[in-house]
Protein backbone atom coordinates (compact mmCIF):
# COMPACT_ATOMS: atom_id res chain seq x y z
CA UNK A 1 -16.68 -0.56 23.88
CA UNK A 2 -14.60 -1.84 26.83
CA UNK A 3 -11.79 -4.21 25.98
CA UNK A 4 -8.69 -5.55 27.75
CA UNK A 5 -5.93 -3.68 25.86
CA UNK A 6 -3.27 -6.33 26.49
CA UNK A 7 -5.44 -9.21 25.42
CA UNK A 8 -6.63 -7.19 22.41
CA UNK A 9 -3.08 -6.46 21.26
CA UNK A 10 -2.10 -10.06 21.86
CA UNK A 11 -4.87 -11.23 19.51
CA UNK A 12 -3.65 -8.77 16.83
CA UNK A 13 -0.06 -9.90 17.28
CA UNK A 14 -1.05 -13.51 16.81
CA UNK A 15 -2.80 -12.63 13.55
CA UNK A 16 0.13 -10.65 12.28
CA UNK A 17 2.49 -13.52 13.08
CA UNK A 18 0.31 -16.16 11.43
CA UNK A 19 1.84 -16.05 7.95
CA UNK A 20 -1.40 -14.88 6.25
CA UNK A 21 -1.33 -13.14 2.90
CA UNK A 22 -1.93 -9.39 2.99
CA UNK A 23 -5.58 -9.60 1.97
CA UNK A 24 -6.56 -12.36 4.37
CA UNK A 25 -4.67 -10.63 7.12
CA UNK A 26 -6.57 -7.36 6.64
CA UNK A 27 -9.91 -9.22 6.56
CA UNK A 28 -9.07 -10.98 9.78
CA UNK A 29 -7.81 -7.80 11.41
CA UNK A 30 -11.05 -6.01 10.57
CA UNK A 31 -13.00 -8.84 12.13
CA UNK A 32 -10.89 -8.58 15.28
CA UNK A 33 -11.15 -4.79 15.44
CA UNK A 34 -14.95 -5.00 15.04
CA UNK A 35 -15.05 -6.79 18.34
CA UNK A 36 -13.03 -4.07 19.99
CA UNK A 37 -14.11 -0.80 18.40
CA UNK A 38 -17.50 -0.18 16.90
CA UNK A 39 -17.69 1.29 13.35
CA UNK A 40 -20.16 1.34 10.53
CA UNK A 41 -17.87 1.50 7.49
CA UNK A 42 -14.22 1.14 6.67
CA UNK A 43 -11.52 1.55 4.07
CA UNK A 44 -8.30 -0.40 4.53
CA UNK A 45 -5.64 0.25 1.86
CA UNK A 46 -2.14 -0.75 1.26
CA UNK A 47 0.14 1.99 0.00
CA UNK A 48 3.30 2.23 -2.04
CA UNK A 49 5.95 2.54 0.70
CA UNK A 50 7.58 5.54 -0.97
CA UNK A 51 4.82 7.50 -2.61
CA UNK A 52 2.15 6.61 -0.01
CA UNK A 53 -0.44 6.27 -2.86
CA UNK A 54 -3.22 3.75 -2.06
CA UNK A 55 -3.39 0.31 -3.59
CA UNK A 56 -5.38 -2.97 -3.11
CA UNK A 57 -8.24 -1.52 -1.12
CA UNK A 58 -10.62 -3.48 1.05
CA UNK A 59 -13.66 -1.39 1.86
CA UNK A 60 -17.24 -1.52 2.93
CA UNK A 61 -19.30 1.60 2.83
CA UNK A 62 -23.02 0.83 3.20
CA UNK A 63 -25.26 3.22 1.35
CA UNK A 64 -22.63 4.46 -1.13
CA UNK A 65 -23.61 3.71 -4.76
CA UNK A 66 -20.79 2.25 -6.85
CA UNK A 67 -20.93 5.22 -9.20
CA UNK A 68 -19.89 7.50 -6.32
CA UNK A 69 -16.64 5.64 -5.61
CA UNK A 70 -14.51 7.91 -7.83
CA UNK A 71 -16.06 10.90 -6.00
CA UNK A 72 -15.21 9.41 -2.63
CA UNK A 73 -11.59 8.64 -3.61
CA UNK A 74 -11.05 12.03 -5.24
CA UNK A 75 -12.40 13.80 -2.15
CA UNK A 76 -10.27 11.67 0.16
CA UNK A 77 -7.08 12.64 -1.64
CA UNK A 78 -8.02 16.32 -1.74
CA UNK A 79 -8.79 16.35 2.02
CA UNK A 80 -5.99 17.84 4.11
CA UNK A 81 -7.64 17.07 7.46
CA UNK A 82 -6.04 13.92 8.96
CA UNK A 83 -4.41 13.08 5.60
CA UNK A 84 -2.46 9.80 6.11
CA UNK A 85 0.70 11.31 4.57
CA UNK A 86 0.91 13.81 7.38
CA UNK A 87 -0.27 11.60 10.27
CA UNK A 88 1.64 9.66 12.87
CA UNK A 89 -0.30 6.93 14.60
CA UNK A 90 -4.02 7.53 15.12
CA UNK A 91 -6.21 10.55 14.71
CA UNK A 92 -9.98 11.13 14.79
CA UNK A 93 -11.97 13.68 12.88
CA UNK A 94 -13.75 15.08 15.94
CA UNK A 95 -10.48 15.45 17.92
CA UNK A 96 -8.95 17.33 15.03
CA UNK A 97 -11.83 19.72 14.03
CA UNK A 98 -14.28 19.48 16.92
CA UNK A 99 -17.84 20.12 15.70
CA UNK A 100 -16.54 21.72 12.45
CA UNK A 101 -16.80 18.44 10.52
CA UNK A 102 -17.31 20.40 7.34
CA UNK A 103 -13.61 21.36 7.46
CA UNK A 104 -12.98 17.88 6.00
CA UNK A 105 -13.70 17.83 2.24
CA UNK A 106 -14.43 14.12 2.14
CA UNK A 107 -16.92 14.52 4.98
CA UNK A 108 -18.49 17.56 3.35
CA UNK A 109 -18.87 15.94 -0.07
CA UNK A 110 -19.57 12.29 0.73
CA UNK A 111 -19.57 11.20 4.38
CA UNK A 112 -22.11 13.78 5.49
CA UNK A 113 -24.72 12.25 3.15
CA UNK A 114 -24.09 8.88 4.84
CA UNK A 115 -24.59 10.11 8.35
CA UNK A 116 -20.93 9.79 9.39
CA UNK A 117 -20.26 11.52 12.70
CA UNK A 118 -16.61 10.63 13.27
CA UNK A 119 -13.68 8.90 11.52
CA UNK A 120 -10.72 7.18 13.14
CA UNK A 121 -7.65 7.24 10.85
CA UNK A 122 -4.68 4.96 11.38
CA UNK A 123 -1.50 5.46 9.37
CA UNK A 124 0.58 2.29 9.08
CA UNK A 125 4.10 3.62 8.80
CA UNK A 126 7.47 2.61 10.11
CA UNK A 127 11.06 3.64 9.42
CA UNK A 128 11.06 1.60 6.25
CA UNK A 129 8.01 3.30 4.59
CA UNK A 130 4.31 3.83 4.60
CA UNK A 131 2.52 0.49 4.18
CA UNK A 132 -1.13 1.41 4.43
CA UNK A 133 -3.87 3.33 6.11
CA UNK A 134 -7.19 2.38 7.71
CA UNK A 135 -10.20 4.65 8.10
CA UNK A 136 -13.04 3.52 10.40
CA UNK A 137 -16.30 5.45 10.00
CA UNK A 138 -18.78 5.85 12.82
CA UNK A 139 -22.44 6.90 12.75
CA UNK A 140 -24.22 8.07 15.88
CA UNK A 141 -24.03 10.65 18.60
CA UNK A 142 -20.69 9.56 20.13
CA UNK A 143 -17.30 9.91 18.62
CA UNK A 144 -14.40 7.59 19.21
CA UNK A 145 -13.42 7.62 22.94
CA UNK A 146 -10.10 7.85 24.69
CA UNK A 147 -9.85 4.09 25.32
CA UNK A 148 -10.68 3.21 21.78
CA UNK A 149 -8.11 5.63 20.38
CA UNK A 150 -5.46 4.36 22.82
CA UNK A 151 -6.21 0.77 21.71
CA UNK A 152 -5.89 1.66 18.05
CA UNK A 153 -2.72 3.58 18.72
CA UNK A 154 -1.16 0.53 20.30
CA UNK A 155 -2.35 -1.69 17.48
CA UNK A 156 -1.06 0.47 14.67
CA UNK A 157 2.68 -0.46 14.90
CA UNK A 158 1.75 -4.19 15.25
CA UNK A 159 -0.47 -4.06 12.18
CA UNK A 160 2.22 -2.11 10.26
CA UNK A 161 4.84 -4.76 10.98
CA UNK A 162 2.41 -7.53 10.01
CA UNK A 163 1.47 -5.93 6.70
CA UNK A 164 5.09 -5.31 5.77
CA UNK A 165 5.88 -8.93 6.50
CA UNK A 166 2.99 -10.13 4.42
CA UNK A 167 4.18 -7.99 1.50
CA UNK A 168 7.73 -9.32 1.90
CA UNK A 169 6.35 -12.86 1.55
CA UNK A 170 4.84 -12.01 -1.88
CA UNK A 171 8.29 -12.12 -3.39
CA UNK A 172 8.95 -15.75 -2.62
CA UNK A 173 7.24 -16.79 -5.85
CA UNK A 174 8.58 -15.50 -9.12
CA UNK A 175 5.89 -14.44 -11.60
CA UNK A 176 5.68 -15.99 -15.13
CA UNK A 177 7.93 -14.61 -17.81
CA UNK A 178 5.16 -13.30 -20.00
CA UNK A 179 4.53 -9.58 -19.69
CA UNK A 180 1.37 -7.59 -20.26
CA UNK A 181 1.08 -4.01 -21.29
CA UNK A 182 1.82 -1.27 -20.88
CA UNK A 183 -1.82 -0.31 -21.18
CA UNK A 184 -3.58 2.99 -20.61
CA UNK A 185 -6.90 3.90 -19.05
CA UNK A 186 -8.16 7.48 -19.73
CA UNK A 187 -10.11 9.23 -16.91
CA UNK A 188 -11.92 12.52 -16.79
CA UNK A 189 -11.34 15.21 -14.18
CA UNK A 190 -14.08 13.57 -12.11
CA UNK A 191 -12.21 10.27 -12.49
CA UNK A 192 -14.94 8.83 -14.76
CA UNK A 193 -13.69 6.50 -17.45
CA UNK A 194 -13.35 8.10 -20.94
CA UNK A 195 -11.54 5.39 -22.91
CA UNK A 196 -8.94 2.58 -22.69
CA UNK A 197 -6.48 0.80 -24.91
CA UNK A 198 -7.68 -2.55 -26.37
CA UNK A 199 -5.62 -4.71 -24.07
CA UNK A 200 -6.57 -2.85 -20.84
CA UNK A 201 -9.37 -5.30 -20.11
CA UNK A 202 -6.90 -8.07 -19.41
CA UNK A 203 -5.04 -5.94 -16.87
CA UNK A 204 -8.23 -4.79 -15.20
CA UNK A 205 -9.35 -8.37 -14.73
CA UNK A 206 -6.05 -9.14 -13.01
CA UNK A 207 -6.34 -6.09 -10.77
CA UNK A 208 -10.06 -6.59 -10.00
CA UNK A 209 -11.10 -10.20 -10.75
CA UNK A 210 -14.73 -10.67 -11.64
CA UNK A 211 -16.98 -13.40 -13.02
CA UNK A 212 -19.20 -10.99 -14.80
CA UNK A 213 -19.17 -9.81 -18.36
CA UNK A 214 -18.29 -6.27 -17.28
CA UNK A 215 -14.91 -5.38 -15.78
CA UNK A 216 -15.16 -2.69 -13.18
CA UNK A 217 -12.30 -0.26 -12.98
CA UNK A 218 -10.17 -1.11 -9.93
CA UNK A 219 -9.91 1.50 -7.23
CA UNK A 220 -6.07 1.47 -7.62
CA UNK A 221 -6.58 3.41 -10.87
CA UNK A 222 -8.73 5.99 -9.16
CA UNK A 223 -6.14 6.28 -6.38
CA UNK A 224 -3.19 7.20 -8.63
CA UNK A 225 -5.41 9.58 -10.60
CA UNK A 226 -6.65 11.18 -7.41
CA UNK A 227 -3.08 11.69 -6.23
CA UNK A 228 -2.32 13.54 -9.46
CA UNK A 229 -5.23 15.82 -8.80
CA UNK A 230 -4.04 16.35 -5.20
CA UNK A 231 -0.54 17.07 -6.31
CA UNK A 232 -1.78 19.63 -8.80
CA UNK A 233 -3.84 21.26 -6.10
CA UNK A 234 -0.84 21.53 -3.77
CA UNK A 235 -2.29 19.20 -1.20
CA UNK A 236 0.49 16.69 -1.35
CA UNK A 237 3.81 16.45 -3.19
CA UNK A 238 4.22 12.71 -3.63
CA UNK A 239 4.37 11.25 -7.17
CA UNK A 240 1.10 9.82 -8.59
CA UNK A 241 2.57 6.35 -8.71
CA UNK A 242 1.82 3.05 -6.90
CA UNK A 243 3.43 -0.35 -7.06
CA UNK A 244 0.78 -3.04 -6.59
CA UNK A 245 1.10 -6.75 -5.97
CA UNK A 246 -1.27 -8.88 -8.04
CA UNK A 247 -0.60 -12.58 -7.43
CA UNK A 248 2.12 -15.17 -7.55
CA UNK A 249 4.87 -12.62 -6.94
CA UNK A 250 3.80 -10.34 -9.79
CA UNK A 251 4.07 -6.60 -9.13
CA UNK A 252 2.83 -3.87 -11.37
CA UNK A 253 3.33 -0.11 -11.46
CA UNK A 254 0.44 2.28 -12.00
CA UNK A 255 1.16 5.91 -12.97
CA UNK A 256 -1.08 8.85 -13.63
CA UNK A 257 -0.21 11.75 -15.94
CA UNK A 258 -2.14 14.64 -17.41
CA UNK A 259 -3.17 14.18 -21.09
CA UNK A 260 -4.85 17.40 -22.09
CA UNK A 261 -7.93 17.85 -19.83
CA UNK A 262 -7.97 14.12 -19.01
CA UNK A 263 -5.89 11.84 -16.81
CA UNK A 264 -4.03 8.92 -18.31
CA UNK A 265 -3.40 5.95 -15.98
CA UNK A 266 -0.68 3.63 -17.28
CA UNK A 267 -0.34 0.08 -15.98
CA UNK A 268 2.71 -2.15 -16.60
CA UNK A 269 4.99 -4.69 -14.98
CA UNK A 270 7.28 -3.21 -12.43
CA UNK A 271 10.82 -2.57 -13.70
CA UNK A 272 13.47 -4.62 -11.87
CA UNK A 273 14.63 -1.39 -10.12
CA UNK A 274 11.15 -0.51 -8.82
CA UNK A 275 10.52 -4.10 -7.75
CA UNK A 276 13.89 -4.26 -5.96
CA UNK A 277 13.21 -1.07 -4.04
CA UNK A 278 9.94 -2.42 -2.53
CA UNK A 279 11.70 -5.76 -1.90
CA UNK A 280 14.46 -4.11 0.16
CA UNK A 281 12.06 -1.95 2.15
CA UNK A 282 9.56 -4.72 2.78
CA UNK A 283 12.28 -6.93 4.23
CA UNK A 284 13.43 -4.13 6.56
CA UNK A 285 17.02 -3.86 5.32
CA UNK A 286 19.19 -1.41 7.16
CA UNK A 287 20.73 1.58 5.36
CA UNK A 288 24.05 -0.28 4.88
CA UNK A 289 22.23 -3.48 3.85
CA UNK A 290 20.30 -1.51 1.29
CA UNK A 291 23.60 -0.20 -0.15
CA UNK A 292 24.95 -3.73 -0.41
CA UNK A 293 21.67 -4.99 -1.81
CA UNK A 294 21.68 -2.32 -4.55
CA UNK A 295 25.19 -3.27 -5.58
CA UNK A 296 24.21 -6.94 -5.77
CA UNK A 297 21.24 -6.07 -7.95
CA UNK A 298 23.57 -4.20 -10.23
CA UNK A 299 25.76 -7.33 -10.69
CA UNK A 300 28.50 -6.66 -8.18
CA UNK A 301 30.39 -9.56 -6.60
CA UNK A 302 31.90 -9.54 -3.13
CA UNK A 303 35.13 -7.87 -4.33
CA UNK A 304 33.22 -5.11 -6.13
CA UNK A 305 30.94 -4.51 -3.14
CA UNK A 306 34.08 -4.07 -0.98
CA UNK A 307 35.63 -1.68 -3.46
CA UNK A 308 32.51 0.44 -3.91
CA UNK A 309 31.93 0.75 -0.13
CA UNK A 310 35.58 1.07 0.73
CA UNK A 311 35.50 -1.87 3.14
CA UNK A 312 37.37 -5.21 3.36
CA UNK A 313 36.11 -8.18 1.45
CA UNK A 314 35.55 -9.97 4.75
CA UNK A 315 33.26 -7.12 5.95
CA UNK A 316 31.50 -7.10 2.53
CA UNK A 317 30.90 -10.86 2.84
CA UNK A 318 29.41 -10.36 6.34
CA UNK A 319 27.03 -7.70 4.95
CA UNK A 320 26.00 -9.97 2.09
CA UNK A 321 25.28 -12.75 4.55
CA UNK A 322 23.20 -10.33 6.65
CA UNK A 323 21.17 -9.44 3.61
CA UNK A 324 20.50 -13.08 2.73
CA UNK A 325 19.57 -13.84 6.35
CA UNK A 326 17.17 -10.89 6.64
CA UNK A 327 15.42 -11.75 3.35
CA UNK A 328 15.40 -15.48 3.95
CA UNK A 329 17.13 -16.15 0.61
CA UNK A 330 19.40 -19.18 0.69
CA UNK A 331 21.78 -17.78 -2.00
CA UNK A 332 22.49 -14.71 -4.04
CA UNK A 333 20.85 -16.35 -7.03
CA UNK A 334 17.59 -16.78 -5.07
CA UNK A 335 17.88 -13.26 -3.68
CA UNK A 336 18.16 -11.66 -7.13
CA UNK A 337 15.51 -13.88 -8.65
CA UNK A 338 13.05 -12.78 -6.07
CA UNK A 339 14.07 -9.17 -5.89
CA UNK A 340 14.29 -8.53 -9.61
CA UNK A 341 11.60 -10.93 -10.80
CA UNK A 342 14.06 -12.66 -13.09
CA UNK A 343 14.05 -16.34 -13.98
CA UNK A 344 16.40 -18.75 -12.30
CA UNK A 345 18.53 -18.90 -15.46
CA UNK A 346 18.88 -15.11 -15.54
CA UNK A 347 19.73 -14.88 -11.88
CA UNK A 348 22.32 -17.61 -12.23
CA UNK A 349 24.61 -15.32 -14.23
CA UNK A 350 25.02 -13.09 -11.19
CA UNK A 351 27.88 -14.14 -8.84
């Protein structure tokens, strides 16, 4: 599909600079990409910036029954071909394996049945972390062409920056003080649900809102469980953990661990340390700014920051001002309230 690359990138840049939330941004990006590159199905996930484990998926896979979703996610994590954790930029299945599509486990076990003939994979990574990945599936005789791959390759860093900015904006609202969990969901080796703790339903409805009586298991739970399986298989070494934004500034952590033959997925509010790590990375703090930020989160004042970093108080003050400017926080109190998820009263005790 012919497209003016510069105009196409300009359209994507405008979307990414429009202040949209991460979900609306991804939906609008998919609409824009559909006018530039043809595809029949897609999976657009955010990822934990450190572990690269998928979260908050937006996907449309025509012809795939809901009961096969765990199978698809499991196969995706076990597939080494074009795995997002090892990619830079854009890759396509046919360019990587030629006509040997069966070399891809996810194609062999799932995509083959749906008539998929090529997959374009974009990893959305910058120097601050991995923020997501996008798979575009194509049916038909022709794979993704050179112009299409070049366009996607130019779009990837723009989309990455836009997603990171959207996630940074999630911290501007502090979530309510009440905490839920931790709760546990027990999955089998095939990622089928075995059991759950009584309060799990409330979490699942937050992770995957529904108006129906039944609460489907959110794909985030399948993702962390699939990462555990991939780690055990030696496919990838990242921890089976993902930090996920729900709403109103609330972030939760999902972890998978082996419990006998089954997989236990635990869901709970992010600890202040886990939340602060994502906050610093999402705002693109430099290495020195991250050091200053960590000290501030630990309760240090300007003098203590200077002592710990062996710099003058004047230089420490400049670094603190830079952190506030980059994060858009008008004061240290606001910075810590947003970063740690604390109330205003709690943050006010930090100087």
